[in-house]
């Protein structure tokens, strides 16, 4: 906030702070390898099993 306010009435735009970090998908091996989730086959039996854990 201090950095943004040092310009007075002018509003700075752009990147004020940037930190390179791995994405969520980079951290999870299942998501990192293979095709995107949208292109993966759906196993209905697995889904039913996961849902039963929450019932």
PDB file of N, CA and C in Angstrom:
ATOM      1  N   UNK A   1       0.838  -1.180   0.000  1.00  0.00           N
ATOM      2  CA  UNK A   1       0.000   0.000   0.000  1.00  0.00           C
ATOM      3  C   UNK A   1       0.886   1.248   0.000  1.00  0.00           C
ATOM      4  N   UNK A   2       1.949   1.196   0.761  1.00  0.00           N
ATOM      5  CA  UNK A   2       2.862   2.339   0.826  1.00  0.00           C
ATOM      6  C   UNK A   2       3.437   2.650  -0.553  1.00  0.00           C
ATOM      7  N   UNK A   3       3.810   1.604  -1.289  1.00  0.00           N
ATOM      8  CA  UNK A   3       4.364   1.777  -2.630  1.00  0.00           C
ATOM      9  C   UNK A   3       3.336   2.399  -3.567  1.00  0.00           C
ATOM     10  N   UNK A   4       2.081   1.982  -3.468  1.00  0.00           N
ATOM     11  CA  UNK A   4       1.027   2.507  -4.324  1.00  0.00           C
ATOM     12  C   UNK A   4       0.725   3.967  -3.994  1.00  0.00           C
ATOM     13  N   UNK A   5       0.851   4.366  -2.733  1.00  0.00           N
ATOM     14  CA  UNK A   5       0.505   5.724  -2.315  1.00  0.00           C
ATOM     15  C   UNK A   5       1.615   6.746  -2.567  1.00  0.00           C
ATOM     16  N   UNK A   6       2.813   6.324  -2.859  1.00  0.00           N
ATOM     17  CA  UNK A   6       3.915   7.272  -3.027  1.00  0.00           C
ATOM     18  C   UNK A   6       3.777   8.139  -4.282  1.00  0.00           C
ATOM     19  N   UNK A   7       2.836   7.804  -5.152  1.00  0.00           N
ATOM     20  CA  UNK A   7       2.658   8.549  -6.394  1.00  0.00           C
ATOM     21  C   UNK A   7       1.634   9.673  -6.264  1.00  0.00           C
ATOM     22  N   UNK A   8       1.033   9.861  -5.120  1.00  0.00           N
ATOM     23  CA  UNK A   8       0.065  10.930  -4.934  1.00  0.00           C
ATOM     24  C   UNK A   8      -1.240  10.645  -5.638  1.00  0.00           C
ATOM     25  N   UNK A   9      -1.691  11.598  -6.471  1.00  0.00           N
ATOM     26  CA  UNK A   9      -2.973  11.448  -7.156  1.00  0.00           C
ATOM     27  C   UNK A   9      -2.910  10.500  -8.354  1.00  0.00           C
ATOM     28  N   UNK A  10      -1.737  10.206  -8.829  1.00  0.00           N
ATOM     29  CA  UNK A  10      -1.596   9.287  -9.955  1.00  0.00           C
ATOM     30  C   UNK A  10      -1.696   7.852  -9.442  1.00  0.00           C
ATOM     31  N   UNK A  11      -2.318   7.001 -10.224  1.00  0.00           N
ATOM     32  CA  UNK A  11      -2.478   5.604  -9.834  1.00  0.00           C
ATOM     33  C   UNK A  11      -1.521   4.769 -10.684  1.00  0.00           C
ATOM     34  N   UNK A  12      -0.524   4.143 -10.039  1.00  0.00           N
ATOM     35  CA  UNK A  12       0.390   3.293 -10.817  1.00  0.00           C
ATOM     36  C   UNK A  12      -0.325   2.005 -11.234  1.00  0.00           C
ATOM     37  N   UNK A  13      -0.045   1.559 -12.439  1.00  0.00           N
ATOM     38  CA  UNK A  13      -0.610   0.284 -12.890  1.00  0.00           C
ATOM     39  C   UNK A  13       0.552  -0.612 -13.301  1.00  0.00           C
ATOM     40  N   UNK A  14       0.319  -1.887 -13.257  1.00  0.00           N
ATOM     41  CA  UNK A  14       1.345  -2.848 -13.623  1.00  0.00           C
ATOM     42  C   UNK A  14       1.697  -3.723 -12.440  1.00  0.00           C
ATOM     43  N   UNK A  15       2.799  -4.399 -12.561  1.00  0.00           N
ATOM     44  CA  UNK A  15       3.235  -5.320 -11.512  1.00  0.00           C
ATOM     45  C   UNK A  15       4.021  -4.541 -10.467  1.00  0.00           C
ATOM     46  N   UNK A  16       3.501  -4.531  -9.250  1.00  0.00           N
ATOM     47  CA  UNK A  16       4.196  -3.884  -8.141  1.00  0.00           C
ATOM     48  C   UNK A  16       5.079  -4.909  -7.438  1.00  0.00           C
ATOM     49  N   UNK A  17       4.607  -6.143  -7.380  1.00  0.00           N
ATOM     50  CA  UNK A  17       5.337  -7.203  -6.695  1.00  0.00           C
ATOM     51  C   UNK A  17       5.101  -8.502  -7.456  1.00  0.00           C
ATOM     52  N   UNK A  18       6.153  -9.275  -7.618  1.00  0.00           N
ATOM     53  CA  UNK A  18       6.014 -10.543  -8.326  1.00  0.00           C
ATOM     54  C   UNK A  18       6.930 -11.577  -7.680  1.00  0.00           C
ATOM     55  N   UNK A  19       6.384 -12.747  -7.456  1.00  0.00           N
ATOM     56  CA  UNK A  19       7.169 -13.846  -6.903  1.00  0.00           C
ATOM     57  C   UNK A  19       6.866 -15.095  -7.717  1.00  0.00           C
ATOM     58  N   UNK A  20       7.906 -15.716  -8.239  1.00  0.00           N
ATOM     59  CA  UNK A  20       7.740 -16.936  -9.029  1.00  0.00           C
ATOM     60  C   UNK A  20       7.564 -18.110  -8.071  1.00  0.00           C
ATOM     61  N   UNK A  21       6.466 -18.826  -8.230  1.00  0.00           N
ATOM     62  CA  UNK A  21       6.177 -20.002  -7.425  1.00  0.00           C
ATOM     63  C   UNK A  21       5.630 -21.085  -8.341  1.00  0.00           C
ATOM     64  N   UNK A  22       5.814 -22.365  -7.949  1.00  0.00           N
ATOM     65  CA  UNK A  22       5.202 -23.429  -8.744  1.00  0.00           C
ATOM     66  C   UNK A  22       3.679 -23.355  -8.653  1.00  0.00           C
ATOM     67  N   UNK A  23       3.016 -23.728  -9.726  1.00  0.00           N
ATOM     68  CA  UNK A  23       1.558 -23.718  -9.727  1.00  0.00           C
ATOM     69  C   UNK A  23       1.028 -24.905  -8.934  1.00  0.00           C
ATOM     70  N   UNK A  24      -0.248 -24.903  -8.640  1.00  0.00           N
ATOM     71  CA  UNK A  24      -0.887 -26.017  -7.942  1.00  0.00           C
ATOM     72  C   UNK A  24      -0.679 -27.307  -8.721  1.00  0.00           C
ATOM     73  N   UNK A  25      -0.851 -27.252 -10.024  1.00  0.00           N
ATOM     74  CA  UNK A  25      -0.702 -28.443 -10.859  1.00  0.00           C
ATOM     75  C   UNK A  25       0.741 -28.953 -10.852  1.00  0.00           C
ATOM     76  N   UNK A  26       1.716 -28.059 -10.725  1.00  0.00           N
ATOM     77  CA  UNK A  26       3.117 -28.475 -10.665  1.00  0.00           C
ATOM     78  C   UNK A  26       3.420 -29.245  -9.386  1.00  0.00           C
ATOM     79  N   UNK A  27       2.686 -28.993  -8.338  1.00  0.00           N
ATOM     80  CA  UNK A  27       2.945 -29.625  -7.043  1.00  0.00           C
ATOM     81  C   UNK A  27       2.348 -31.027  -6.941  1.00  0.00           C
ATOM     82  N   UNK A  28       1.341 -31.347  -7.737  1.00  0.00           N
ATOM     83  CA  UNK A  28       0.631 -32.622  -7.646  1.00  0.00           C
ATOM     84  C   UNK A  28       1.023 -33.496  -8.834  1.00  0.00           C
ATOM     85  N   UNK A  29       1.680 -34.623  -8.555  1.00  0.00           N
ATOM     86  CA  UNK A  29       2.194 -35.479  -9.619  1.00  0.00           C
ATOM     87  C   UNK A  29       1.095 -35.929 -10.583  1.00  0.00           C
ATOM     88  N   UNK A  30      -0.059 -36.301 -10.040  1.00  0.00           N
ATOM     89  CA  UNK A  30      -1.169 -36.761 -10.878  1.00  0.00           C
ATOM     90  C   UNK A  30      -1.578 -35.690 -11.893  1.00  0.00           C
ATOM     91  N   UNK A  31      -1.546 -34.433 -11.493  1.00  0.00           N
ATOM     92  CA  UNK A  31      -1.931 -33.350 -12.399  1.00  0.00           C
ATOM     93  C   UNK A  31      -0.782 -32.938 -13.321  1.00  0.00           C
ATOM     94  N   UNK A  32       0.435 -33.130 -12.848  1.00  0.00           N
ATOM     95  CA  UNK A  32       1.610 -32.711 -13.609  1.00  0.00           C
ATOM     96  C   UNK A  32       1.846 -33.626 -14.804  1.00  0.00           C
ATOM     97  N   UNK A  33       1.558 -34.915 -14.639  1.00  0.00           N
ATOM     98  CA  UNK A  33       1.837 -35.880 -15.694  1.00  0.00           C
ATOM     99  C   UNK A  33       0.550 -36.291 -16.409  1.00  0.00           C
ATOM    100  N   UNK A  34       0.666 -36.541 -17.678  1.00  0.00           N
ATOM    101  CA  UNK A  34      -0.484 -36.998 -18.447  1.00  0.00           C
ATOM    102  C   UNK A  34      -1.259 -35.846 -19.055  1.00  0.00           C
ATOM    103  N   UNK A  35      -2.348 -36.201 -19.715  1.00  0.00           N
ATOM    104  CA  UNK A  35      -3.155 -35.173 -20.389  1.00  0.00           C
ATOM    105  C   UNK A  35      -3.932 -34.330 -19.375  1.00  0.00           C
ATOM    106  N   UNK A  36      -4.476 -33.199 -19.804  1.00  0.00           N
ATOM    107  CA  UNK A  36      -5.320 -32.393 -18.919  1.00  0.00           C
ATOM    108  C   UNK A  36      -6.509 -33.223 -18.430  1.00  0.00           C
ATOM    109  N   UNK A  37      -7.050 -32.863 -17.282  1.00  0.00           N
ATOM    110  CA  UNK A  37      -8.156 -33.626 -16.694  1.00  0.00           C
ATOM    111  C   UNK A  37      -9.339 -33.756 -17.644  1.00  0.00           C
ATOM    112  N   UNK A  38      -9.598 -32.743 -18.432  1.00  0.00           N
ATOM    113  CA  UNK A  38     -10.745 -32.765 -19.344  1.00  0.00           C
ATOM    114  C   UNK A  38     -10.603 -33.872 -20.388  1.00  0.00           C
ATOM    115  N   UNK A  39      -9.362 -34.251 -20.701  1.00  0.00           N
ATOM    116  CA  UNK A  39      -9.114 -35.265 -21.725  1.00  0.00           C
ATOM    117  C   UNK A  39      -8.952 -36.669 -21.157  1.00  0.00           C
ATOM    118  N   UNK A  40      -9.040 -36.826 -19.833  1.00  0.00           N
ATOM    119  CA  UNK A  40      -8.866 -38.145 -19.215  1.00  0.00           C
ATOM    120  C   UNK A  40     -10.203 -38.873 -19.150  1.00  0.00           C
ATOM    121  N   UNK A  41     -10.158 -40.203 -19.280  1.00  0.00           N
ATOM    122  CA  UNK A  41     -11.410 -40.971 -19.214  1.00  0.00           C
ATOM    123  C   UNK A  41     -12.023 -40.898 -17.814  1.00  0.00           C
ATOM    124  N   UNK A  42     -13.340 -40.992 -17.757  1.00  0.00           N
ATOM    125  CA  UNK A  42     -14.066 -40.926 -16.490  1.00  0.00           C
ATOM    126  C   UNK A  42     -14.394 -42.344 -16.043  1.00  0.00           C
ATOM    127  N   UNK A  43     -14.020 -42.677 -14.803  1.00  0.00           N
ATOM    128  CA  UNK A  43     -14.329 -43.985 -14.223  1.00  0.00           C
ATOM    129  C   UNK A  43     -15.470 -43.788 -13.223  1.00  0.00           C
ATOM    130  N   UNK A  44     -16.679 -44.082 -13.655  1.00  0.00           N
ATOM    131  CA  UNK A  44     -17.877 -43.858 -12.844  1.00  0.00           C
ATOM    132  C   UNK A  44     -17.797 -44.613 -11.514  1.00  0.00           C
ATOM    133  N   UNK A  45     -17.260 -45.821 -11.516  1.00  0.00           N
ATOM    134  CA  UNK A  45     -17.179 -46.611 -10.285  1.00  0.00           C
ATOM    135  C   UNK A  45     -16.288 -45.932  -9.242  1.00  0.00           C
ATOM    136  N   UNK A  46     -15.182 -45.344  -9.686  1.00  0.00           N
ATOM    137  CA  UNK A  46     -14.306 -44.620  -8.761  1.00  0.00           C
ATOM    138  C   UNK A  46     -15.039 -43.410  -8.188  1.00  0.00           C
ATOM    139  N   UNK A  47     -15.752 -42.697  -9.043  1.00  0.00           N
ATOM    140  CA  UNK A  47     -16.484 -41.513  -8.596  1.00  0.00           C
ATOM    141  C   UNK A  47     -17.525 -41.896  -7.566  1.00  0.00           C
ATOM    142  N   UNK A  48     -18.259 -42.982  -7.811  1.00  0.00           N
ATOM    143  CA  UNK A  48     -19.265 -43.448  -6.855  1.00  0.00           C
ATOM    144  C   UNK A  48     -18.619 -43.795  -5.525  1.00  0.00           C
ATOM    145  N   UNK A  49     -17.455 -44.426  -5.584  1.00  0.00           N
ATOM    146  CA  UNK A  49     -16.735 -44.761  -4.353  1.00  0.00           C
ATOM    147  C   UNK A  49     -16.332 -43.528  -3.568  1.00  0.00           C
ATOM    148  N   UNK A  50     -15.828 -42.502  -4.268  1.00  0.00           N
ATOM    149  CA  UNK A  50     -15.436 -41.250  -3.608  1.00  0.00           C
ATOM    150  C   UNK A  50     -16.657 -40.587  -2.976  1.00  0.00           C
ATOM    151  N   UNK A  51     -17.774 -40.570  -3.702  1.00  0.00           N
ATOM    152  CA  UNK A  51     -18.978 -39.928  -3.181  1.00  0.00           C
ATOM    153  C   UNK A  51     -19.535 -40.665  -1.962  1.00  0.00           C
ATOM    154  N   UNK A  52     -19.426 -41.991  -1.966  1.00  0.00           N
ATOM    155  CA  UNK A  52     -19.895 -42.772  -0.818  1.00  0.00           C
ATOM    156  C   UNK A  52     -19.115 -42.434   0.451  1.00  0.00           C
ATOM    157  N   UNK A  53     -17.875 -42.007   0.308  1.00  0.00           N
ATOM    158  CA  UNK A  53     -17.083 -41.606   1.482  1.00  0.00           C
ATOM    159  C   UNK A  53     -17.680 -40.390   2.174  1.00  0.00           C
ATOM    160  N   UNK A  54     -18.455 -39.588   1.447  1.00  0.00           N
ATOM    161  CA  UNK A  54     -19.019 -38.358   2.007  1.00  0.00           C
ATOM    162  C   UNK A  54     -20.461 -38.498   2.455  1.00  0.00           C
ATOM    163  N   UNK A  55     -21.056 -39.640   2.215  1.00  0.00           N
ATOM    164  CA  UNK A  55     -22.474 -39.848   2.579  1.00  0.00           C
ATOM    165  C   UNK A  55     -22.565 -40.360   4.002  1.00  0.00           C
TER     166      UNK A  55
END
